[in-house]
Amino acid sequence: MLVLDDEDGRSTALAGDLHRRLERLGVYERERRPWLPHLTVVRFRERPRLAPPLPALGAFGPSDAALYHSVLRSTGAQYEVLETFALGGT
């Protein structure tokens, strides 16, 4: 997971708005911990015994975001893209 800067708070505001809308629909229960702007790079079923060095990423501006529906199955998570959004980055 890469934790992202949210200097102007726009990502946190967007997540808060989305959480409120989903709660009103009755399809989401907000977590007790604060939302953390991040990018999930890889998931493991069990914690790996790895400590790879992180590459130098530099600054970037995401151009798109997607809303996924995640269904956990015995074979692993399956993700379905529900909606995509243009963010205006490069």
PDB file of N, CA and C in Angstrom:
ATOM      1  N   MET A   1       0.843  -1.162   0.000  1.00  0.00           N
ATOM      2  CA  MET A   1       0.000   0.000   0.000  1.00  0.00           C
ATOM      3  C   MET A   1       0.893   1.231   0.000  1.00  0.00           C
ATOM      4  N   LEU A   2       0.561   2.181  -0.841  1.00  0.00           N
ATOM      5  CA  LEU A   2       1.250   3.464  -0.861  1.00  0.00           C
ATOM      6  C   LEU A   2       0.312   4.497  -0.262  1.00  0.00           C
ATOM      7  N   VAL A   3       0.769   5.188   0.763  1.00  0.00           N
ATOM      8  CA  VAL A   3      -0.031   6.240   1.388  1.00  0.00           C
ATOM      9  C   VAL A   3       0.224   7.523   0.618  1.00  0.00           C
ATOM     10  N   LEU A   4      -0.854   8.229   0.270  1.00  0.00           N
ATOM     11  CA  LEU A   4      -0.765   9.423  -0.568  1.00  0.00           C
ATOM     12  C   LEU A   4      -0.963  10.687   0.249  1.00  0.00           C
ATOM     13  N   ASP A   5      -0.322  11.778  -0.165  1.00  0.00           N
ATOM     14  CA  ASP A   5      -0.541  13.083   0.450  1.00  0.00           C
ATOM     15  C   ASP A   5      -1.914  13.590   0.066  1.00  0.00           C
ATOM     16  N   ASP A   6      -2.554  14.275   0.980  1.00  0.00           N
ATOM     17  CA  ASP A   6      -3.854  14.909   0.728  1.00  0.00           C
ATOM     18  C   ASP A   6      -3.789  16.319   1.310  1.00  0.00           C
ATOM     19  N   GLU A   7      -2.831  17.090   0.792  1.00  0.00           N
ATOM     20  CA  GLU A   7      -2.518  18.395   1.365  1.00  0.00           C
ATOM     21  C   GLU A   7      -3.721  19.339   1.424  1.00  0.00           C
ATOM     22  N   ASP A   8      -4.535  19.343   0.401  1.00  0.00           N
ATOM     23  CA  ASP A   8      -5.682  20.259   0.401  1.00  0.00           C
ATOM     24  C   ASP A   8      -6.965  19.607   0.916  1.00  0.00           C
ATOM     25  N   GLY A   9      -6.899  18.318   1.278  1.00  0.00           N
ATOM     26  CA  GLY A   9      -8.045  17.631   1.853  1.00  0.00           C
ATOM     27  C   GLY A   9      -9.127  17.223   0.870  1.00  0.00           C
ATOM     28  N   ARG A  10      -8.875  17.380  -0.423  1.00  0.00           N
ATOM     29  CA  ARG A  10      -9.921  17.048  -1.411  1.00  0.00           C
ATOM     30  C   ARG A  10     -10.223  15.558  -1.456  1.00  0.00           C
ATOM     31  N   SER A  11      -9.204  14.716  -1.318  1.00  0.00           N
ATOM     32  CA  SER A  11      -9.459  13.270  -1.323  1.00  0.00           C
ATOM     33  C   SER A  11     -10.278  12.853  -0.111  1.00  0.00           C
ATOM     34  N   THR A  12      -9.944  13.415   1.047  1.00  0.00           N
ATOM     35  CA  THR A  12     -10.688  13.098   2.271  1.00  0.00           C
ATOM     36  C   THR A  12     -12.126  13.587   2.160  1.00  0.00           C
ATOM     37  N   ALA A  13     -12.322  14.768   1.584  1.00  0.00           N
ATOM     38  CA  ALA A  13     -13.680  15.293   1.402  1.00  0.00           C
ATOM     39  C   ALA A  13     -14.476  14.422   0.433  1.00  0.00           C
ATOM     40  N   LEU A  14     -13.848  13.981  -0.658  1.00  0.00           N
ATOM     41  CA  LEU A  14     -14.507  13.109  -1.625  1.00  0.00           C
ATOM     42  C   LEU A  14     -14.897  11.783  -0.973  1.00  0.00           C
ATOM     43  N   ALA A  15     -13.975  11.201  -0.202  1.00  0.00           N
ATOM     44  CA  ALA A  15     -14.267   9.938   0.485  1.00  0.00           C
ATOM     45  C   ALA A  15     -15.390  10.124   1.493  1.00  0.00           C
ATOM     46  N   GLY A  16     -15.380  11.222   2.240  1.00  0.00           N
ATOM     47  CA  GLY A  16     -16.434  11.492   3.214  1.00  0.00           C
ATOM     48  C   GLY A  16     -17.796  11.613   2.560  1.00  0.00           C
ATOM     49  N   ASP A  17     -17.850  12.320   1.437  1.00  0.00           N
ATOM     50  CA  ASP A  17     -19.110  12.465   0.702  1.00  0.00           C
ATOM     51  C   ASP A  17     -19.605  11.111   0.209  1.00  0.00           C
ATOM     52  N   LEU A  18     -18.703  10.309  -0.333  1.00  0.00           N
ATOM     53  CA  LEU A  18     -19.066   8.972  -0.821  1.00  0.00           C
ATOM     54  C   LEU A  18     -19.554   8.096   0.321  1.00  0.00           C
ATOM     55  N   HIS A  19     -18.858   8.136   1.456  1.00  0.00           N
ATOM     56  CA  HIS A  19     -19.269   7.332   2.614  1.00  0.00           C
ATOM     57  C   HIS A  19     -20.672   7.727   3.080  1.00  0.00           C
ATOM     58  N   ARG A  20     -20.955   9.033   3.167  1.00  0.00           N
ATOM     59  CA  ARG A  20     -22.290   9.502   3.592  1.00  0.00           C
ATOM     60  C   ARG A  20     -23.368   9.026   2.625  1.00  0.00           C
ATOM     61  N   ARG A  21     -23.096   9.114   1.340  1.00  0.00           N
ATOM     62  CA  ARG A  21     -24.086   8.686   0.327  1.00  0.00           C
ATOM     63  C   ARG A  21     -24.360   7.186   0.427  1.00  0.00           C
ATOM     64  N   LEU A  22     -23.306   6.398   0.581  1.00  0.00           N
ATOM     65  CA  LEU A  22     -23.468   4.947   0.676  1.00  0.00           C
ATOM     66  C   LEU A  22     -24.178   4.561   1.971  1.00  0.00           C
ATOM     67  N   GLU A  23     -23.896   5.290   3.053  1.00  0.00           N
ATOM     68  CA  GLU A  23     -24.591   5.031   4.321  1.00  0.00           C
ATOM     69  C   GLU A  23     -26.088   5.318   4.187  1.00  0.00           C
ATOM     70  N   ARG A  24     -26.434   6.411   3.513  1.00  0.00           N
ATOM     71  CA  ARG A  24     -27.855   6.741   3.304  1.00  0.00           C
ATOM     72  C   ARG A  24     -28.567   5.664   2.487  1.00  0.00           C
ATOM     73  N   LEU A  25     -27.830   5.031   1.580  1.00  0.00           N
ATOM     74  CA  LEU A  25     -28.406   3.943   0.785  1.00  0.00           C
ATOM     75  C   LEU A  25     -28.494   2.646   1.583  1.00  0.00           C
ATOM     76  N   GLY A  26     -27.816   2.595   2.719  1.00  0.00           N
ATOM     77  CA  GLY A  26     -27.830   1.397   3.553  1.00  0.00           C
ATOM     78  C   GLY A  26     -26.924   0.290   3.057  1.00  0.00           C
ATOM     79  N   VAL A  27     -25.917   0.638   2.250  1.00  0.00           N
ATOM     80  CA  VAL A  27     -25.032  -0.387   1.687  1.00  0.00           C
ATOM     81  C   VAL A  27     -23.612  -0.295   2.225  1.00  0.00           C
ATOM     82  N   TYR A  28     -23.408   0.575   3.198  1.00  0.00           N
ATOM     83  CA  TYR A  28     -22.051   0.790   3.709  1.00  0.00           C
ATOM     84  C   TYR A  28     -22.116   1.173   5.174  1.00  0.00           C
ATOM     85  N   GLU A  29     -21.173   0.655   5.948  1.00  0.00           N
ATOM     86  CA  GLU A  29     -21.015   1.069   7.340  1.00  0.00           C
ATOM     87  C   GLU A  29     -19.605   1.614   7.486  1.00  0.00           C
ATOM     88  N   ARG A  30     -19.500   2.866   7.872  1.00  0.00           N
ATOM     89  CA  ARG A  30     -18.207   3.535   7.971  1.00  0.00           C
ATOM     90  C   ARG A  30     -17.313   2.860   9.013  1.00  0.00           C
ATOM     91  N   GLU A  31     -16.046   2.762   8.720  1.00  0.00           N
ATOM     92  CA  GLU A  31     -15.086   2.213   9.671  1.00  0.00           C
ATOM     93  C   GLU A  31     -14.859   3.212  10.800  1.00  0.00           C
ATOM     94  N   ARG A  32     -14.447   2.715  11.950  1.00  0.00           N
ATOM     95  CA  ARG A  32     -14.209   3.592  13.099  1.00  0.00           C
ATOM     96  C   ARG A  32     -12.914   4.393  12.945  1.00  0.00           C
ATOM     97  N   ARG A  33     -11.950   3.821  12.255  1.00  0.00           N
ATOM     98  CA  ARG A  33     -10.684   4.536  12.068  1.00  0.00           C
ATOM     99  C   ARG A  33     -10.838   5.580  10.969  1.00  0.00           C
ATOM    100  N   PRO A  34     -10.027   6.636  11.005  1.00  0.00           N
ATOM    101  CA  PRO A  34     -10.122   7.668   9.964  1.00  0.00           C
ATOM    102  C   PRO A  34      -9.719   7.121   8.597  1.00  0.00           C
ATOM    103  N   TRP A  35     -10.303   7.691   7.559  1.00  0.00           N
ATOM    104  CA  TRP A  35      -9.977   7.281   6.199  1.00  0.00           C
ATOM    105  C   TRP A  35      -8.557   7.701   5.866  1.00  0.00           C
ATOM    106  N   LEU A  36      -7.826   6.854   5.171  1.00  0.00           N
ATOM    107  CA  LEU A  36      -6.440   7.107   4.794  1.00  0.00           C
ATOM    108  C   LEU A  36      -6.329   7.077   3.272  1.00  0.00           C
ATOM    109  N   PRO A  37      -5.960   8.205   2.639  1.00  0.00           N
ATOM    110  CA  PRO A  37      -5.785   8.175   1.181  1.00  0.00           C
ATOM    111  C   PRO A  37      -4.618   7.255   0.830  1.00  0.00           C
ATOM    112  N   HIS A  38      -4.892   6.240   0.022  1.00  0.00           N
ATOM    113  CA  HIS A  38      -3.866   5.252  -0.291  1.00  0.00           C
ATOM    114  C   HIS A  38      -4.161   4.585  -1.623  1.00  0.00           C
ATOM    115  N   LEU A  39      -3.177   3.865  -2.079  1.00  0.00           N
ATOM    116  CA  LEU A  39      -3.282   3.058  -3.286  1.00  0.00           C
ATOM    117  C   LEU A  39      -2.849   1.651  -2.917  1.00  0.00           C
ATOM    118  N   THR A  40      -3.745   0.689  -3.076  1.00  0.00           N
ATOM    119  CA  THR A  40      -3.402  -0.707  -2.806  1.00  0.00           C
ATOM    120  C   THR A  40      -2.676  -1.261  -4.023  1.00  0.00           C
ATOM    121  N   VAL A  41      -1.446  -1.689  -3.827  1.00  0.00           N
ATOM    122  CA  VAL A  41      -0.630  -2.184  -4.926  1.00  0.00           C
ATOM    123  C   VAL A  41      -0.763  -3.688  -5.060  1.00  0.00           C
ATOM    124  N   VAL A  42      -0.746  -4.392  -3.936  1.00  0.00           N
ATOM    125  CA  VAL A  42      -0.846  -5.843  -3.966  1.00  0.00           C
ATOM    126  C   VAL A  42      -1.421  -6.316  -2.629  1.00  0.00           C
ATOM    127  N   ARG A  43      -2.142  -7.412  -2.676  1.00  0.00           N
ATOM    128  CA  ARG A  43      -2.674  -8.023  -1.460  1.00  0.00           C
ATOM    129  C   ARG A  43      -2.206  -9.462  -1.400  1.00  0.00           C
ATOM    130  N   PHE A  44      -1.947  -9.934  -0.187  1.00  0.00           N
ATOM    131  CA  PHE A  44      -1.549 -11.311   0.028  1.00  0.00           C
ATOM    132  C   PHE A  44      -2.554 -11.985   0.942  1.00  0.00           C
ATOM    133  N   ARG A  45      -2.785 -13.249   0.725  1.00  0.00           N
ATOM    134  CA  ARG A  45      -3.664 -14.022   1.605  1.00  0.00           C
ATOM    135  C   ARG A  45      -3.058 -14.095   3.003  1.00  0.00           C
ATOM    136  N   GLU A  46      -1.751 -14.309   3.081  1.00  0.00           N
ATOM    137  CA  GLU A  46      -1.028 -14.320   4.347  1.00  0.00           C
ATOM    138  C   GLU A  46       0.118 -13.327   4.243  1.00  0.00           C
ATOM    139  N   ARG A  47       0.518 -12.757   5.378  1.00  0.00           N
ATOM    140  CA  ARG A  47       1.603 -11.772   5.373  1.00  0.00           C
ATOM    141  C   ARG A  47       2.884 -12.423   4.842  1.00  0.00           C
ATOM    142  N   PRO A  48       3.472 -11.869   3.779  1.00  0.00           N
ATOM    143  CA  PRO A  48       4.701 -12.447   3.237  1.00  0.00           C
ATOM    144  C   PRO A  48       5.902 -12.064   4.097  1.00  0.00           C
ATOM    145  N   ARG A  49       6.935 -12.827   3.969  1.00  0.00           N
ATOM    146  CA  ARG A  49       8.175 -12.522   4.695  1.00  0.00           C
ATOM    147  C   ARG A  49       9.115 -11.769   3.766  1.00  0.00           C
ATOM    148  N   LEU A  50       8.639 -10.690   3.215  1.00  0.00           N
ATOM    149  CA  LEU A  50       9.397  -9.883   2.264  1.00  0.00           C
ATOM    150  C   LEU A  50       9.581  -8.475   2.821  1.00  0.00           C
ATOM    151  N   ALA A  51      10.633  -7.832   2.421  1.00  0.00           N
ATOM    152  CA  ALA A  51      10.855  -6.427   2.748  1.00  0.00           C
ATOM    153  C   ALA A  51      11.515  -5.758   1.539  1.00  0.00           C
ATOM    154  N   PRO A  52      10.810  -5.723   0.393  1.00  0.00           N
ATOM    155  CA  PRO A  52      11.437  -5.154  -0.804  1.00  0.00           C
ATOM    156  C   PRO A  52      11.594  -3.643  -0.668  1.00  0.00           C
ATOM    157  N   PRO A  53      12.649  -3.086  -1.251  1.00  0.00           N
ATOM    158  CA  PRO A  53      12.811  -1.631  -1.221  1.00  0.00           C
ATOM    159  C   PRO A  53      11.756  -0.977  -2.117  1.00  0.00           C
ATOM    160  N   LEU A  54      11.270   0.188  -1.704  1.00  0.00           N
ATOM    161  CA  LEU A  54      10.289   0.904  -2.516  1.00  0.00           C
ATOM    162  C   LEU A  54      10.996   1.671  -3.622  1.00  0.00           C
ATOM    163  N   PRO A  55      10.446   1.666  -4.829  1.00  0.00           N
ATOM    164  CA  PRO A  55      11.051   2.440  -5.918  1.00  0.00           C
ATOM    165  C   PRO A  55      10.774   3.932  -5.712  1.00  0.00           C
ATOM    166  N   ALA A  56      11.616   4.766  -6.282  1.00  0.00           N
ATOM    167  CA  ALA A  56      11.381   6.215  -6.249  1.00  0.00           C
ATOM    168  C   ALA A  56      10.239   6.518  -7.216  1.00  0.00           C
ATOM    169  N   LEU A  57       9.132   7.018  -6.705  1.00  0.00           N
ATOM    170  CA  LEU A  57       7.961   7.257  -7.541  1.00  0.00           C
ATOM    171  C   LEU A  57       7.861   8.688  -8.035  1.00  0.00           C
ATOM    172  N   GLY A  58       8.302   9.633  -7.244  1.00  0.00           N
ATOM    173  CA  GLY A  58       8.150  11.029  -7.620  1.00  0.00           C
ATOM    174  C   GLY A  58       6.694  11.451  -7.508  1.00  0.00           C
ATOM    175  N   ALA A  59       6.411  12.682  -7.873  1.00  0.00           N
ATOM    176  CA  ALA A  59       5.046  13.209  -7.809  1.00  0.00           C
ATOM    177  C   ALA A  59       4.240  12.713  -9.003  1.00  0.00           C
ATOM    178  N   PHE A  60       2.940  12.520  -8.787  1.00  0.00           N
ATOM    179  CA  PHE A  60       2.066  12.154  -9.891  1.00  0.00           C
ATOM    180  C   PHE A  60       0.675  12.680  -9.599  1.00  0.00           C
ATOM    181  N   GLY A  61      -0.110  12.846 -10.643  1.00  0.00           N
ATOM    182  CA  GLY A  61      -1.490  13.282 -10.518  1.00  0.00           C
ATOM    183  C   GLY A  61      -2.386  12.249 -11.172  1.00  0.00           C
ATOM    184  N   PRO A  62      -3.179  11.532 -10.387  1.00  0.00           N
ATOM    185  CA  PRO A  62      -4.031  10.504 -10.984  1.00  0.00           C
ATOM    186  C   PRO A  62      -5.039  11.116 -11.940  1.00  0.00           C
ATOM    187  N   SER A  63      -5.273  10.466 -13.059  1.00  0.00           N
ATOM    188  CA  SER A  63      -6.213  10.969 -14.058  1.00  0.00           C
ATOM    189  C   SER A  63      -7.600  10.373 -13.902  1.00  0.00           C
ATOM    190  N   ASP A  64      -7.687   9.191 -13.295  1.00  0.00           N
ATOM    191  CA  ASP A  64      -8.965   8.499 -13.169  1.00  0.00           C
ATOM    192  C   ASP A  64      -9.055   7.824 -11.799  1.00  0.00           C
ATOM    193  N   ALA A  65     -10.289   7.533 -11.416  1.00  0.00           N
ATOM    194  CA  ALA A  65     -10.548   6.723 -10.230  1.00  0.00           C
ATOM    195  C   ALA A  65     -11.681   5.781 -10.590  1.00  0.00           C
ATOM    196  N   ALA A  66     -11.774   4.689  -9.876  1.00  0.00           N
ATOM    197  CA  ALA A  66     -12.831   3.719 -10.149  1.00  0.00           C
ATOM    198  C   ALA A  66     -13.448   3.258  -8.839  1.00  0.00           C
ATOM    199  N   LEU A  67     -14.729   2.998  -8.896  1.00  0.00           N
ATOM    200  CA  LEU A  67     -15.460   2.436  -7.772  1.00  0.00           C
ATOM    201  C   LEU A  67     -15.628   0.954  -8.048  1.00  0.00           C
ATOM    202  N   TYR A  68     -15.123   0.127  -7.128  1.00  0.00           N
ATOM    203  CA  TYR A  68     -15.173  -1.318  -7.291  1.00  0.00           C
ATOM    204  C   TYR A  68     -16.131  -1.944  -6.292  1.00  0.00           C
ATOM    205  N   HIS A  69     -16.746  -3.019  -6.703  1.00  0.00           N
ATOM    206  CA  HIS A  69     -17.502  -3.865  -5.791  1.00  0.00           C
ATOM    207  C   HIS A  69     -16.646  -5.097  -5.579  1.00  0.00           C
ATOM    208  N   SER A  70     -16.300  -5.365  -4.308  1.00  0.00           N
ATOM    209  CA  SER A  70     -15.438  -6.479  -3.972  1.00  0.00           C
ATOM    210  C   SER A  70     -16.270  -7.584  -3.342  1.00  0.00           C
ATOM    211  N   VAL A  71     -16.159  -8.796  -3.886  1.00  0.00           N
ATOM    212  CA  VAL A  71     -16.860  -9.951  -3.338  1.00  0.00           C
ATOM    213  C   VAL A  71     -15.808 -10.977  -2.940  1.00  0.00           C
ATOM    214  N   LEU A  72     -15.782 -11.307  -1.645  1.00  0.00           N
ATOM    215  CA  LEU A  72     -14.830 -12.311  -1.179  1.00  0.00           C
ATOM    216  C   LEU A  72     -15.384 -13.703  -1.427  1.00  0.00           C
ATOM    217  N   ARG A  73     -14.598 -14.515  -2.067  1.00  0.00           N
ATOM    218  CA  ARG A  73     -14.981 -15.895  -2.364  1.00  0.00           C
ATOM    219  C   ARG A  73     -13.876 -16.819  -1.848  1.00  0.00           C
ATOM    220  N   SER A  74     -14.141 -18.084  -1.804  1.00  0.00           N
ATOM    221  CA  SER A  74     -13.138 -19.039  -1.329  1.00  0.00           C
ATOM    222  C   SER A  74     -11.905 -19.051  -2.230  1.00  0.00           C
ATOM    223  N   THR A  75     -12.065 -18.642  -3.476  1.00  0.00           N
ATOM    224  CA  THR A  75     -10.946 -18.596  -4.420  1.00  0.00           C
ATOM    225  C   THR A  75     -10.223 -17.251  -4.386  1.00  0.00           C
ATOM    226  N   GLY A  76     -10.700 -16.315  -3.570  1.00  0.00           N
ATOM    227  CA  GLY A  76     -10.097 -14.984  -3.484  1.00  0.00           C
ATOM    228  C   GLY A  76     -11.121 -13.915  -3.809  1.00  0.00           C
ATOM    229  N   ALA A  77     -10.704 -12.675  -3.702  1.00  0.00           N
ATOM    230  CA  ALA A  77     -11.609 -11.557  -3.971  1.00  0.00           C
ATOM    231  C   ALA A  77     -11.832 -11.410  -5.468  1.00  0.00           C
ATOM    232  N   GLN A  78     -13.072 -11.076  -5.817  1.00  0.00           N
ATOM    233  CA  GLN A  78     -13.404 -10.737  -7.207  1.00  0.00           C
ATOM    234  C   GLN A  78     -13.867  -9.284  -7.210  1.00  0.00           C
ATOM    235  N   TYR A  79     -13.367  -8.509  -8.159  1.00  0.00           N
ATOM    236  CA  TYR A  79     -13.657  -7.095  -8.227  1.00  0.00           C
ATOM    237  C   TYR A  79     -14.423  -6.781  -9.501  1.00  0.00           C
ATOM    238  N   GLU A  80     -15.457  -5.980  -9.356  1.00  0.00           N
ATOM    239  CA  GLU A  80     -16.250  -5.534 -10.497  1.00  0.00           C
ATOM    240  C   GLU A  80     -16.250  -4.010 -10.495  1.00  0.00           C
ATOM    241  N   VAL A  81     -15.878  -3.398 -11.633  1.00  0.00           N
ATOM    242  CA  VAL A  81     -15.888  -1.947 -11.740  1.00  0.00           C
ATOM    243  C   VAL A  81     -17.338  -1.490 -11.887  1.00  0.00           C
ATOM    244  N   LEU A  82     -17.774  -0.654 -10.937  1.00  0.00           N
ATOM    245  CA  LEU A  82     -19.137  -0.143 -10.984  1.00  0.00           C
ATOM    246  C   LEU A  82     -19.217   1.191 -11.724  1.00  0.00           C
ATOM    247  N   GLU A  83     -18.185   2.012 -11.549  1.00  0.00           N
ATOM    248  CA  GLU A  83     -18.189   3.343 -12.167  1.00  0.00           C
ATOM    249  C   GLU A  83     -16.747   3.849 -12.228  1.00  0.00           C
ATOM    250  N   THR A  84     -16.447   4.631 -13.254  1.00  0.00           N
ATOM    251  CA  THR A  84     -15.140   5.287 -13.332  1.00  0.00           C
ATOM    252  C   THR A  84     -15.367   6.790 -13.359  1.00  0.00           C
ATOM    253  N   PHE A  85     -14.360   7.527 -12.889  1.00  0.00           N
ATOM    254  CA  PHE A  85     -14.455   8.977 -12.763  1.00  0.00           C
ATOM    255  C   PHE A  85     -13.186   9.609 -13.282  1.00  0.00           C
ATOM    256  N   ALA A  86     -13.299  10.669 -14.081  1.00  0.00           N
ATOM    257  CA  ALA A  86     -12.145  11.436 -14.503  1.00  0.00           C
ATOM    258  C   ALA A  86     -11.782  12.403 -13.382  1.00  0.00           C
ATOM    259  N   LEU A  87     -10.490  12.492 -13.054  1.00  0.00           N
ATOM    260  CA  LEU A  87     -10.037  13.368 -11.986  1.00  0.00           C
ATOM    261  C   LEU A  87      -9.306  14.593 -12.495  1.00  0.00           C
ATOM    262  N   GLY A  88      -8.902  14.591 -13.738  1.00  0.00           N
ATOM    263  CA  GLY A  88      -8.263  15.766 -14.324  1.00  0.00           C
ATOM    264  C   GLY A  88      -6.764  15.842 -14.125  1.00  0.00           C
ATOM    265  N   GLY A  89      -6.141  14.813 -13.552  1.00  0.00           N
ATOM    266  CA  GLY A  89      -4.693  14.804 -13.376  1.00  0.00           C
ATOM    267  C   GLY A  89      -3.996  14.354 -14.646  1.00  0.00           C
ATOM    268  N   THR A  90      -2.702  14.173 -14.528  1.00  0.00           N
ATOM    269  CA  THR A  90      -1.922  13.727 -15.692  1.00  0.00           C
ATOM    270  C   THR A  90      -1.216  12.429 -15.398  1.00  0.00           C
TER     271      THR A  90
END
